[in-house]
Amino acid sequence: MLLPGPELIDLCRNGKKEVILIAPFMKCDAVQMAFDAIPRSVTSVKCVTRWKAEEVLAGVSDLEVFDLIKERNGASLHVQPVLHAKYYRADDACLIGSANLTKRGMGWAMPSNLELLVHLEAKLDRLRAFEALVFSTAIEATDELRSEVAHTVQELEDEGNVYIAEETPTDDSTSSIPPEYWLPLCLRPELLFPIFTETQTDRIVGWTLEAGRRDIGALRIPKHLSAVYFRKYVAALLRQSPVVQALNKIAHKPITPAEGREFIAEHVPEDYRAYGNDQHWETMRNWLLHFLSNEYRQPTGSFDLQRGTEIARYSR
């Protein structure tokens, strides 16, 4: 039986310029084995994992991989909160499949998981697009983020929670909406963090509070994030939204409110709209201007929406 581990080691050993390791679960011992195989001449090593507190508590992922990765020059760790793919690349060679970067996943521990990694050329358009999406929606791991996740892990442990399944339960209030049709509900995104932290919620109007809670439930944001990382998490999830990706393709020029209404009608079936198209567009525009303020702007003197850091009026 061909185990994934030796395949990954061979891939890493043959790296010359860049190695990328992407897996939802990463354990220190497995990451160390992969790193030991990467030649020192490789100047860029990028790792991506998802760091869910429940999984760290269960022991299937280690926060300590952050320290291990920091020790190597040119190496970095990123967090993608809804990552599920297992993807390993060294220059133009790539392995994809089911194996996490753990000893059990790679076949380095008994009993090992039954896993598969398949060789593909990294030049394939689909793989290039996947990699670009991962890094455009991932958050760079920092000491602060690690501390926040560790705090949540400790709270879960103190509460006596036990993590069992890989997939966490879906919130009943959002399970009926397919991800490709999800739209934010809270018209005032600046209130989402106070709602998240339950801070002065008595001052927030009833439906705004309920809508914010529904959005937070749909996005499944980890507990105890600071305002900075809360904003980064929401931004990462917005970038991954199929509706936002479709919008991004046409937002090189200003989108008027009328065009925004048409966009909502074209991309989200009526059954999945809680509001009229006007309010859905206004809400989406507000979210993008708030959470992706470095990527979207409102051209001066209008209620239009446009992608770009410096926006001039567009001549139609």
C-alpha atoms as a PDB file:
ATOM      1  CA  MET A   1       0.000   0.000   0.000  1.00  0.00           C
ATOM      2  CA  LEU A   2       1.359   3.429  -1.000  1.00  0.00           C
ATOM      3  CA  LEU A   3       1.113   5.753   1.994  1.00  0.00           C
ATOM      4  CA  PRO A   4       0.734   9.533   1.581  1.00  0.00           C
ATOM      5  CA  GLY A   5       3.690  10.369   3.858  1.00  0.00           C
ATOM      6  CA  PRO A   6       6.530   9.216   1.590  1.00  0.00           C
ATOM      7  CA  GLU A   7       4.842  10.967  -1.340  1.00  0.00           C
ATOM      8  CA  LEU A   8       4.789  14.241   0.591  1.00  0.00           C
ATOM      9  CA  ILE A   9       8.407  13.842   1.697  1.00  0.00           C
ATOM     10  CA  ASP A  10       9.526  13.259  -1.899  1.00  0.00           C
ATOM     11  CA  LEU A  11       7.575  16.314  -2.993  1.00  0.00           C
ATOM     12  CA  CYS A  12       9.211  18.472  -0.311  1.00  0.00           C
ATOM     13  CA  ARG A  13      12.724  17.147  -1.045  1.00  0.00           C
ATOM     14  CA  ASN A  14      12.382  18.117  -4.693  1.00  0.00           C
ATOM     15  CA  GLY A  15      11.380  21.687  -3.910  1.00  0.00           C
ATOM     16  CA  LYS A  16      13.703  24.338  -5.314  1.00  0.00           C
ATOM     17  CA  LYS A  17      12.014  27.712  -4.831  1.00  0.00           C
ATOM     18  CA  GLU A  18       8.647  27.439  -3.120  1.00  0.00           C
ATOM     19  CA  VAL A  19       6.748  24.879  -1.031  1.00  0.00           C
ATOM     20  CA  ILE A  20       3.097  25.276  -0.033  1.00  0.00           C
ATOM     21  CA  LEU A  21       1.417  23.050   2.578  1.00  0.00           C
ATOM     22  CA  ILE A  22      -2.362  23.414   2.944  1.00  0.00           C
ATOM     23  CA  ALA A  23      -4.412  21.244   5.310  1.00  0.00           C
ATOM     24  CA  PRO A  24      -7.176  21.852   7.893  1.00  0.00           C
ATOM     25  CA  PHE A  25      -5.365  19.736  10.493  1.00  0.00           C
ATOM     26  CA  MET A  26      -1.654  20.237  11.229  1.00  0.00           C
ATOM     27  CA  LYS A  27       0.331  18.591  14.019  1.00  0.00           C
ATOM     28  CA  CYS A  28       3.811  19.667  15.053  1.00  0.00           C
ATOM     29  CA  ASP A  29       5.498  16.295  14.573  1.00  0.00           C
ATOM     30  CA  ALA A  30       4.167  15.907  11.027  1.00  0.00           C
ATOM     31  CA  VAL A  31       4.963  19.517  10.094  1.00  0.00           C
ATOM     32  CA  GLN A  32       8.508  19.025  11.422  1.00  0.00           C
ATOM     33  CA  MET A  33       8.989  15.931   9.244  1.00  0.00           C
ATOM     34  CA  ALA A  34       7.846  17.852   6.183  1.00  0.00           C
ATOM     35  CA  PHE A  35      10.068  20.828   7.054  1.00  0.00           C
ATOM     36  CA  ASP A  36      13.087  18.577   7.582  1.00  0.00           C
ATOM     37  CA  ALA A  37      12.660  17.346   4.016  1.00  0.00           C
ATOM     38  CA  ILE A  38      12.521  20.834   2.481  1.00  0.00           C
ATOM     39  CA  PRO A  39      15.980  21.960   1.258  1.00  0.00           C
ATOM     40  CA  ARG A  40      17.338  25.089   2.890  1.00  0.00           C
ATOM     41  CA  SER A  41      17.699  26.565  -0.576  1.00  0.00           C
ATOM     42  CA  VAL A  42      13.893  26.882  -0.721  1.00  0.00           C
ATOM     43  CA  THR A  43      13.245  30.510   0.199  1.00  0.00           C
ATOM     44  CA  SER A  44       9.444  30.451   0.529  1.00  0.00           C
ATOM     45  CA  VAL A  45       7.418  27.993   2.617  1.00  0.00           C
ATOM     46  CA  LYS A  46       3.742  28.882   3.072  1.00  0.00           C
ATOM     47  CA  CYS A  47       1.430  26.889   5.332  1.00  0.00           C
ATOM     48  CA  VAL A  48      -2.340  27.229   5.640  1.00  0.00           C
ATOM     49  CA  THR A  49      -4.559  25.582   8.241  1.00  0.00           C
ATOM     50  CA  ARG A  50      -7.924  26.419   9.831  1.00  0.00           C
ATOM     51  CA  TRP A  51      -7.328  26.429  13.624  1.00  0.00           C
ATOM     52  CA  LYS A  52     -10.850  25.726  14.892  1.00  0.00           C
ATOM     53  CA  ALA A  53     -10.870  25.763  18.682  1.00  0.00           C
ATOM     54  CA  GLU A  54     -12.898  22.524  18.851  1.00  0.00           C
ATOM     55  CA  GLU A  55     -10.291  20.724  16.750  1.00  0.00           C
ATOM     56  CA  VAL A  56      -7.377  22.035  18.790  1.00  0.00           C
ATOM     57  CA  LEU A  57      -9.173  20.858  21.927  1.00  0.00           C
ATOM     58  CA  ALA A  58      -9.676  17.415  20.358  1.00  0.00           C
ATOM     59  CA  GLY A  59      -5.955  17.196  19.628  1.00  0.00           C
ATOM     60  CA  VAL A  60      -6.211  16.947  15.840  1.00  0.00           C
ATOM     61  CA  SER A  61      -4.466  20.304  15.325  1.00  0.00           C
ATOM     62  CA  ASP A  62      -1.692  22.070  17.231  1.00  0.00           C
ATOM     63  CA  LEU A  63      -1.393  25.787  17.895  1.00  0.00           C
ATOM     64  CA  GLU A  64       2.324  25.158  18.420  1.00  0.00           C
ATOM     65  CA  VAL A  65       2.869  24.739  14.676  1.00  0.00           C
ATOM     66  CA  PHE A  66       2.939  28.539  14.690  1.00  0.00           C
ATOM     67  CA  ASP A  67       6.181  28.527  16.733  1.00  0.00           C
ATOM     68  CA  LEU A  68       7.723  25.801  14.602  1.00  0.00           C
ATOM     69  CA  ILE A  69       6.964  27.598  11.354  1.00  0.00           C
ATOM     70  CA  LYS A  70       8.218  30.957  12.686  1.00  0.00           C
ATOM     71  CA  GLU A  71      11.630  29.394  13.365  1.00  0.00           C
ATOM     72  CA  ARG A  72      12.320  28.834   9.682  1.00  0.00           C
ATOM     73  CA  ASN A  73      13.422  31.761   7.528  1.00  0.00           C
ATOM     74  CA  GLY A  74      10.979  32.476   4.746  1.00  0.00           C
ATOM     75  CA  ALA A  75       8.178  30.419   6.287  1.00  0.00           C
ATOM     76  CA  SER A  76       4.724  31.725   7.171  1.00  0.00           C
ATOM     77  CA  LEU A  77       1.450  30.388   8.564  1.00  0.00           C
ATOM     78  CA  HIS A  78      -2.001  31.495   7.459  1.00  0.00           C
ATOM     79  CA  VAL A  79      -5.460  30.640   8.779  1.00  0.00           C
ATOM     80  CA  GLN A  80      -8.421  29.978   6.477  1.00  0.00           C
ATOM     81  CA  PRO A  81     -11.485  29.486   8.689  1.00  0.00           C
ATOM     82  CA  VAL A  82     -13.473  27.189   6.370  1.00  0.00           C
ATOM     83  CA  LEU A  83     -10.608  25.267   4.763  1.00  0.00           C
ATOM     84  CA  HIS A  84     -11.296  21.613   3.982  1.00  0.00           C
ATOM     85  CA  ALA A  85      -8.967  20.819   1.062  1.00  0.00           C
ATOM     86  CA  LYS A  86      -5.610  19.082   1.421  1.00  0.00           C
ATOM     87  CA  TYR A  87      -3.155  20.538  -1.062  1.00  0.00           C
ATOM     88  CA  TYR A  88       0.637  20.310  -1.166  1.00  0.00           C
ATOM     89  CA  ARG A  89       2.834  21.957  -3.792  1.00  0.00           C
ATOM     90  CA  ALA A  90       6.548  22.233  -4.490  1.00  0.00           C
ATOM     91  CA  ASP A  91       7.166  24.519  -7.466  1.00  0.00           C
ATOM     92  CA  ASP A  92       5.299  22.897 -10.400  1.00  0.00           C
ATOM     93  CA  ALA A  93       4.571  19.559  -8.697  1.00  0.00           C
ATOM     94  CA  CYS A  94       1.429  19.114  -6.633  1.00  0.00           C
ATOM     95  CA  LEU A  95      -0.299  16.535  -4.431  1.00  0.00           C
ATOM     96  CA  ILE A  96      -3.984  16.768  -3.608  1.00  0.00           C
ATOM     97  CA  GLY A  97      -6.260  14.366  -1.780  1.00  0.00           C
ATOM     98  CA  SER A  98      -7.607  13.550   1.656  1.00  0.00           C
ATOM     99  CA  ALA A  99      -4.520  13.421   3.886  1.00  0.00           C
ATOM    100  CA  ASN A 100      -4.090  16.042   6.605  1.00  0.00           C
ATOM    101  CA  LEU A 101      -0.619  17.032   7.762  1.00  0.00           C
ATOM    102  CA  THR A 102      -0.719  14.742  10.802  1.00  0.00           C
ATOM    103  CA  LYS A 103       1.053  11.472  11.522  1.00  0.00           C
ATOM    104  CA  ARG A 104      -2.163   9.487  11.197  1.00  0.00           C
ATOM    105  CA  GLY A 105      -3.086  11.274   7.997  1.00  0.00           C
ATOM    106  CA  MET A 106       0.309  10.638   6.442  1.00  0.00           C
ATOM    107  CA  GLY A 107       0.617   7.025   7.571  1.00  0.00           C
ATOM    108  CA  TRP A 108       3.365   7.746  10.076  1.00  0.00           C
ATOM    109  CA  ALA A 109       1.445   6.442  13.101  1.00  0.00           C
ATOM    110  CA  MET A 110      -0.540   3.320  13.946  1.00  0.00           C
ATOM    111  CA  PRO A 111      -3.356   2.906  13.308  1.00  0.00           C
ATOM    112  CA  SER A 112      -3.121   5.164  10.275  1.00  0.00           C
ATOM    113  CA  ASN A 113      -6.047   6.667   8.441  1.00  0.00           C
ATOM    114  CA  LEU A 114      -6.893   5.334   4.981  1.00  0.00           C
ATOM    115  CA  GLU A 115      -5.927   8.357   2.898  1.00  0.00           C
ATOM    116  CA  LEU A 116      -5.022   9.293  -0.649  1.00  0.00           C
ATOM    117  CA  LEU A 117      -2.765  11.880  -2.299  1.00  0.00           C
ATOM    118  CA  VAL A 118      -2.628  12.172  -6.089  1.00  0.00           C
ATOM    119  CA  HIS A 119       0.030  13.860  -8.230  1.00  0.00           C
ATOM    120  CA  LEU A 120      -1.142  16.678 -10.493  1.00  0.00           C
ATOM    121  CA  GLU A 121       0.611  19.435 -12.407  1.00  0.00           C
ATOM    122  CA  ALA A 122       0.380  22.675 -10.484  1.00  0.00           C
ATOM    123  CA  LYS A 123       0.026  24.552 -13.771  1.00  0.00           C
ATOM    124  CA  LEU A 124      -3.591  23.429 -14.126  1.00  0.00           C
ATOM    125  CA  ASP A 125      -5.871  26.481 -14.160  1.00  0.00           C
ATOM    126  CA  ARG A 126      -8.188  24.967 -11.534  1.00  0.00           C
ATOM    127  CA  LEU A 127      -5.315  24.487  -9.091  1.00  0.00           C
ATOM    128  CA  ARG A 128      -3.926  27.970  -9.701  1.00  0.00           C
ATOM    129  CA  ALA A 129      -7.372  29.426  -9.065  1.00  0.00           C
ATOM    130  CA  PHE A 130      -7.785  27.374  -5.885  1.00  0.00           C
ATOM    131  CA  GLU A 131      -4.438  28.490  -4.514  1.00  0.00           C
ATOM    132  CA  ALA A 132      -5.151  32.127  -5.301  1.00  0.00           C
ATOM    133  CA  LEU A 133      -8.524  31.884  -3.560  1.00  0.00           C
ATOM    134  CA  VAL A 134      -7.000  30.317  -0.451  1.00  0.00           C
ATOM    135  CA  PHE A 135      -4.429  33.056   0.003  1.00  0.00           C
ATOM    136  CA  SER A 136      -6.832  35.869  -0.860  1.00  0.00           C
ATOM    137  CA  THR A 137      -9.215  34.696   1.876  1.00  0.00           C
ATOM    138  CA  ALA A 138      -6.702  33.583   4.520  1.00  0.00           C
ATOM    139  CA  ILE A 139      -5.504  35.526   7.546  1.00  0.00           C
ATOM    140  CA  GLU A 140      -1.841  35.627   8.472  1.00  0.00           C
ATOM    141  CA  ALA A 141      -1.333  33.936  11.836  1.00  0.00           C
ATOM    142  CA  THR A 142       0.090  36.113  14.618  1.00  0.00           C
ATOM    143  CA  ASP A 143       0.827  35.742  18.320  1.00  0.00           C
ATOM    144  CA  GLU A 144      -2.379  37.633  19.049  1.00  0.00           C
ATOM    145  CA  LEU A 145      -4.541  35.350  16.918  1.00  0.00           C
ATOM    146  CA  ARG A 146      -2.957  32.278  18.459  1.00  0.00           C
ATOM    147  CA  SER A 147      -3.694  33.638  21.950  1.00  0.00           C
ATOM    148  CA  GLU A 148      -7.319  34.295  21.054  1.00  0.00           C
ATOM    149  CA  VAL A 149      -7.819  30.758  19.736  1.00  0.00           C
ATOM    150  CA  ALA A 150      -6.051  29.345  22.808  1.00  0.00           C
ATOM    151  CA  HIS A 151      -8.406  31.324  25.041  1.00  0.00           C
ATOM    152  CA  THR A 152     -11.412  29.803  23.296  1.00  0.00           C
ATOM    153  CA  VAL A 153      -9.900  26.314  23.601  1.00  0.00           C
ATOM    154  CA  GLN A 154      -9.465  26.827  27.346  1.00  0.00           C
ATOM    155  CA  GLU A 155     -13.042  28.044  27.711  1.00  0.00           C
ATOM    156  CA  LEU A 156     -14.381  24.992  25.854  1.00  0.00           C
ATOM    157  CA  GLU A 157     -12.293  22.729  28.065  1.00  0.00           C
ATOM    158  CA  ASP A 158     -13.496  24.459  31.230  1.00  0.00           C
ATOM    159  CA  GLU A 159     -17.099  23.999  30.073  1.00  0.00           C
ATOM    160  CA  GLY A 160     -16.507  20.276  29.638  1.00  0.00           C
ATOM    161  CA  ASN A 161     -17.158  20.280  25.908  1.00  0.00           C
ATOM    162  CA  VAL A 162     -16.115  17.211  23.919  1.00  0.00           C
ATOM    163  CA  TYR A 163     -15.328  17.429  20.238  1.00  0.00           C
ATOM    164  CA  ILE A 164     -16.401  14.390  18.226  1.00  0.00           C
ATOM    165  CA  ALA A 165     -17.058  14.981  14.525  1.00  0.00           C
ATOM    166  CA  GLU A 166     -14.873  16.767  11.976  1.00  0.00           C
ATOM    167  CA  GLU A 167     -17.811  18.796  10.707  1.00  0.00           C
ATOM    168  CA  THR A 168     -19.398  20.993  13.355  1.00  0.00           C
ATOM    169  CA  PRO A 169     -23.205  21.066  13.463  1.00  0.00           C
ATOM    170  CA  THR A 170     -24.966  23.529  11.204  1.00  0.00           C
ATOM    171  CA  ASP A 171     -27.065  26.232  12.806  1.00  0.00           C
ATOM    172  CA  ASP A 172     -30.719  25.414  12.082  1.00  0.00           C
ATOM    173  CA  SER A 173     -31.499  29.057  11.358  1.00  0.00           C
ATOM    174  CA  THR A 174     -29.097  29.135   8.397  1.00  0.00           C
ATOM    175  CA  SER A 175     -28.989  25.528   7.176  1.00  0.00           C
ATOM    176  CA  SER A 176     -31.752  26.088   4.609  1.00  0.00           C
ATOM    177  CA  ILE A 177     -29.703  28.687   2.697  1.00  0.00           C
ATOM    178  CA  PRO A 178     -27.108  27.242   0.279  1.00  0.00           C
ATOM    179  CA  PRO A 179     -23.717  28.988   0.666  1.00  0.00           C
ATOM    180  CA  GLU A 180     -23.818  30.204  -2.931  1.00  0.00           C
ATOM    181  CA  TYR A 181     -26.950  32.235  -2.156  1.00  0.00           C
ATOM    182  CA  TRP A 182     -26.073  33.608   1.270  1.00  0.00           C
ATOM    183  CA  LEU A 183     -26.602  37.343   1.735  1.00  0.00           C
ATOM    184  CA  PRO A 184     -25.903  39.409   4.874  1.00  0.00           C
ATOM    185  CA  LEU A 185     -28.982  40.576   6.767  1.00  0.00           C
ATOM    186  CA  CYS A 186     -27.728  43.201   9.224  1.00  0.00           C
ATOM    187  CA  LEU A 187     -28.046  46.593   7.523  1.00  0.00           C
ATOM    188  CA  ARG A 188     -25.527  48.140   9.924  1.00  0.00           C
ATOM    189  CA  PRO A 189     -22.323  46.055   9.772  1.00  0.00           C
ATOM    190  CA  GLU A 190     -20.581  48.389  12.229  1.00  0.00           C
ATOM    191  CA  LEU A 191     -22.849  46.917  14.915  1.00  0.00           C
ATOM    192  CA  LEU A 192     -21.919  43.329  14.158  1.00  0.00           C
ATOM    193  CA  PHE A 193     -18.958  43.251  16.563  1.00  0.00           C
ATOM    194  CA  PRO A 194     -20.963  44.688  19.510  1.00  0.00           C
ATOM    195  CA  ILE A 195     -23.611  42.059  18.764  1.00  0.00           C
ATOM    196  CA  PHE A 196     -20.873  39.391  18.599  1.00  0.00           C
ATOM    197  CA  THR A 197     -19.546  40.454  22.011  1.00  0.00           C
ATOM    198  CA  GLU A 198     -23.013  41.129  23.460  1.00  0.00           C
ATOM    199  CA  THR A 199     -21.893  44.686  24.279  1.00  0.00           C
ATOM    200  CA  GLN A 200     -24.641  47.285  24.848  1.00  0.00           C
ATOM    201  CA  THR A 201     -27.073  45.218  22.810  1.00  0.00           C
ATOM    202  CA  ASP A 202     -29.923  46.844  24.747  1.00  0.00           C
ATOM    203  CA  ARG A 203     -29.275  49.926  22.603  1.00  0.00           C
ATOM    204  CA  ILE A 204     -29.613  48.053  19.292  1.00  0.00           C
ATOM    205  CA  VAL A 205     -33.033  47.996  17.629  1.00  0.00           C
ATOM    206  CA  GLY A 206     -34.745  44.592  17.706  1.00  0.00           C
ATOM    207  CA  TRP A 207     -34.470  43.406  14.090  1.00  0.00           C
ATOM    208  CA  THR A 208     -30.938  44.774  13.686  1.00  0.00           C
ATOM    209  CA  LEU A 209     -29.927  42.689  16.697  1.00  0.00           C
ATOM    210  CA  GLU A 210     -31.678  39.577  15.391  1.00  0.00           C
ATOM    211  CA  ALA A 211     -30.271  40.033  11.881  1.00  0.00           C
ATOM    212  CA  GLY A 212     -26.760  40.464  13.285  1.00  0.00           C
ATOM    213  CA  ARG A 213     -27.078  37.297  15.343  1.00  0.00           C
ATOM    214  CA  ARG A 214     -28.268  35.396  12.283  1.00  0.00           C
ATOM    215  CA  ASP A 215     -25.287  36.658  10.268  1.00  0.00           C
ATOM    216  CA  ILE A 216     -22.857  35.665  13.032  1.00  0.00           C
ATOM    217  CA  GLY A 217     -24.467  32.232  13.216  1.00  0.00           C
ATOM    218  CA  ALA A 218     -24.266  31.771   9.453  1.00  0.00           C
ATOM    219  CA  LEU A 219     -20.582  32.752   9.359  1.00  0.00           C
ATOM    220  CA  ARG A 220     -19.716  30.586  12.401  1.00  0.00           C
ATOM    221  CA  ILE A 221     -17.142  33.058  13.712  1.00  0.00           C
ATOM    222  CA  PRO A 222     -14.923  31.680  16.515  1.00  0.00           C
ATOM    223  CA  LYS A 223     -15.573  33.054  19.999  1.00  0.00           C
ATOM    224  CA  HIS A 224     -13.407  35.633  21.757  1.00  0.00           C
ATOM    225  CA  LEU A 225     -11.899  37.257  18.673  1.00  0.00           C
ATOM    226  CA  SER A 226     -10.701  40.810  19.147  1.00  0.00           C
ATOM    227  CA  ALA A 227     -12.243  43.545  17.015  1.00  0.00           C
ATOM    228  CA  VAL A 228      -9.268  43.398  14.650  1.00  0.00           C
ATOM    229  CA  TYR A 229      -9.469  39.662  14.026  1.00  0.00           C
ATOM    230  CA  PHE A 230     -13.255  39.668  13.966  1.00  0.00           C
ATOM    231  CA  ARG A 231     -13.053  42.117  11.073  1.00  0.00           C
ATOM    232  CA  LYS A 232     -10.414  40.001   9.323  1.00  0.00           C
ATOM    233  CA  TYR A 233     -12.470  36.818   9.703  1.00  0.00           C
ATOM    234  CA  VAL A 234     -15.595  38.419   8.289  1.00  0.00           C
ATOM    235  CA  ALA A 235     -13.560  39.933   5.441  1.00  0.00           C
ATOM    236  CA  ALA A 236     -12.049  36.534   4.605  1.00  0.00           C
ATOM    237  CA  LEU A 237     -15.464  34.873   4.548  1.00  0.00           C
ATOM    238  CA  LEU A 238     -16.945  37.651   2.421  1.00  0.00           C
ATOM    239  CA  ARG A 239     -14.188  37.264  -0.175  1.00  0.00           C
ATOM    240  CA  GLN A 240     -15.025  33.568  -0.386  1.00  0.00           C
ATOM    241  CA  SER A 241     -18.755  34.186  -0.895  1.00  0.00           C
ATOM    242  CA  PRO A 242     -19.824  33.209  -4.445  1.00  0.00           C
ATOM    243  CA  VAL A 243     -22.091  36.268  -4.587  1.00  0.00           C
ATOM    244  CA  VAL A 244     -19.213  38.602  -3.672  1.00  0.00           C
ATOM    245  CA  GLN A 245     -16.902  36.869  -6.158  1.00  0.00           C
ATOM    246  CA  ALA A 246     -19.458  37.417  -8.910  1.00  0.00           C
ATOM    247  CA  LEU A 247     -19.812  41.058  -7.867  1.00  0.00           C
ATOM    248  CA  ASN A 248     -16.059  41.507  -7.857  1.00  0.00           C
ATOM    249  CA  LYS A 249     -15.920  40.648 -11.562  1.00  0.00           C
ATOM    250  CA  ILE A 250     -18.124  43.579 -12.551  1.00  0.00           C
ATOM    251  CA  ALA A 251     -17.145  46.143  -9.900  1.00  0.00           C
ATOM    252  CA  HIS A 252     -14.224  47.562 -11.904  1.00  0.00           C
ATOM    253  CA  LYS A 253     -16.719  50.248 -12.849  1.00  0.00           C
ATOM    254  CA  PRO A 254     -19.272  51.852 -10.528  1.00  0.00           C
ATOM    255  CA  ILE A 255     -22.382  49.796  -9.801  1.00  0.00           C
ATOM    256  CA  THR A 256     -25.434  52.016  -9.328  1.00  0.00           C
ATOM    257  CA  PRO A 257     -28.221  51.116  -6.867  1.00  0.00           C
ATOM    258  CA  ALA A 258     -30.430  50.139  -9.828  1.00  0.00           C
ATOM    259  CA  GLU A 259     -27.707  47.835 -11.174  1.00  0.00           C
ATOM    260  CA  GLY A 260     -27.188  46.455  -7.690  1.00  0.00           C
ATOM    261  CA  ARG A 261     -30.850  45.538  -7.449  1.00  0.00           C
ATOM    262  CA  GLU A 262     -30.596  43.744 -10.779  1.00  0.00           C
ATOM    263  CA  PHE A 263     -27.466  41.935  -9.621  1.00  0.00           C
ATOM    264  CA  ILE A 264     -29.248  40.583  -6.535  1.00  0.00           C
ATOM    265  CA  ALA A 265     -32.226  39.468  -8.626  1.00  0.00           C
ATOM    266  CA  GLU A 266     -29.970  37.675 -11.111  1.00  0.00           C
ATOM    267  CA  HIS A 267     -27.700  35.901  -8.612  1.00  0.00           C
ATOM    268  CA  VAL A 268     -29.963  34.982  -5.696  1.00  0.00           C
ATOM    269  CA  PRO A 269     -33.285  33.153  -6.217  1.00  0.00           C
ATOM    270  CA  GLU A 270     -36.292  34.831  -4.652  1.00  0.00           C
ATOM    271  CA  ASP A 271     -36.785  31.939  -2.209  1.00  0.00           C
ATOM    272  CA  TYR A 272     -33.475  32.844  -0.555  1.00  0.00           C
ATOM    273  CA  ARG A 273     -34.073  36.577  -0.239  1.00  0.00           C
ATOM    274  CA  ALA A 274     -35.332  37.857   3.101  1.00  0.00           C
ATOM    275  CA  TYR A 275     -35.803  41.435   1.858  1.00  0.00           C
ATOM    276  CA  GLY A 276     -36.598  43.270  -1.308  1.00  0.00           C
ATOM    277  CA  ASN A 277     -33.733  43.652  -3.761  1.00  0.00           C
ATOM    278  CA  ASP A 278     -33.229  47.306  -2.720  1.00  0.00           C
ATOM    279  CA  GLN A 279     -32.522  46.447   0.893  1.00  0.00           C
ATOM    280  CA  HIS A 280     -30.392  43.412   0.048  1.00  0.00           C
ATOM    281  CA  TRP A 281     -28.209  45.533  -2.215  1.00  0.00           C
ATOM    282  CA  GLU A 282     -27.907  48.325   0.353  1.00  0.00           C
ATOM    283  CA  THR A 283     -26.922  45.787   3.008  1.00  0.00           C
ATOM    284  CA  MET A 284     -24.341  44.115   0.770  1.00  0.00           C
ATOM    285  CA  ARG A 285     -22.891  47.504  -0.206  1.00  0.00           C
ATOM    286  CA  ASN A 286     -22.626  48.522   3.446  1.00  0.00           C
ATOM    287  CA  TRP A 287     -20.839  45.265   4.336  1.00  0.00           C
ATOM    288  CA  LEU A 288     -18.315  45.588   1.535  1.00  0.00           C
ATOM    289  CA  LEU A 289     -17.574  49.223   2.354  1.00  0.00           C
ATOM    290  CA  HIS A 290     -17.149  48.344   6.031  1.00  0.00           C
ATOM    291  CA  PHE A 291     -15.313  45.004   6.018  1.00  0.00           C
ATOM    292  CA  LEU A 292     -13.470  45.337   2.696  1.00  0.00           C
ATOM    293  CA  SER A 293     -12.766  49.051   2.858  1.00  0.00           C
ATOM    294  CA  ASN A 294      -9.351  48.569   1.229  1.00  0.00           C
ATOM    295  CA  GLU A 295     -10.979  46.888  -1.762  1.00  0.00           C
ATOM    296  CA  TYR A 296     -14.252  48.759  -2.316  1.00  0.00           C
ATOM    297  CA  ARG A 297     -15.107  52.431  -2.376  1.00  0.00           C
ATOM    298  CA  GLN A 298     -18.149  54.654  -2.842  1.00  0.00           C
ATOM    299  CA  PRO A 299     -17.351  57.190  -5.578  1.00  0.00           C
ATOM    300  CA  THR A 300     -17.726  60.759  -4.371  1.00  0.00           C
ATOM    301  CA  GLY A 301     -21.192  62.228  -4.676  1.00  0.00           C
ATOM    302  CA  SER A 302     -22.966  58.942  -5.343  1.00  0.00           C
ATOM    303  CA  PHE A 303     -24.389  55.810  -3.758  1.00  0.00           C
ATOM    304  CA  ASP A 304     -22.525  53.634  -6.254  1.00  0.00           C
ATOM    305  CA  LEU A 305     -20.111  50.851  -5.344  1.00  0.00           C
ATOM    306  CA  GLN A 306     -16.789  50.295  -7.077  1.00  0.00           C
ATOM    307  CA  ARG A 307     -13.765  48.078  -6.568  1.00  0.00           C
ATOM    308  CA  GLY A 308     -10.391  49.784  -6.138  1.00  0.00           C
ATOM    309  CA  THR A 309      -8.273  51.644  -3.601  1.00  0.00           C
ATOM    310  CA  GLU A 310      -8.418  54.957  -5.465  1.00  0.00           C
ATOM    311  CA  ILE A 311     -11.644  55.599  -7.303  1.00  0.00           C
ATOM    312  CA  ALA A 312     -12.298  58.331  -9.795  1.00  0.00           C
ATOM    313  CA  ARG A 313     -15.632  58.999 -11.400  1.00  0.00           C
ATOM    314  CA  TYR A 314     -16.240  56.557 -14.225  1.00  0.00           C
ATOM    315  CA  SER A 315     -17.469  57.892 -17.561  1.00  0.00           C
ATOM    316  CA  ARG A 316     -20.365  55.846 -18.788  1.00  0.00           C
END
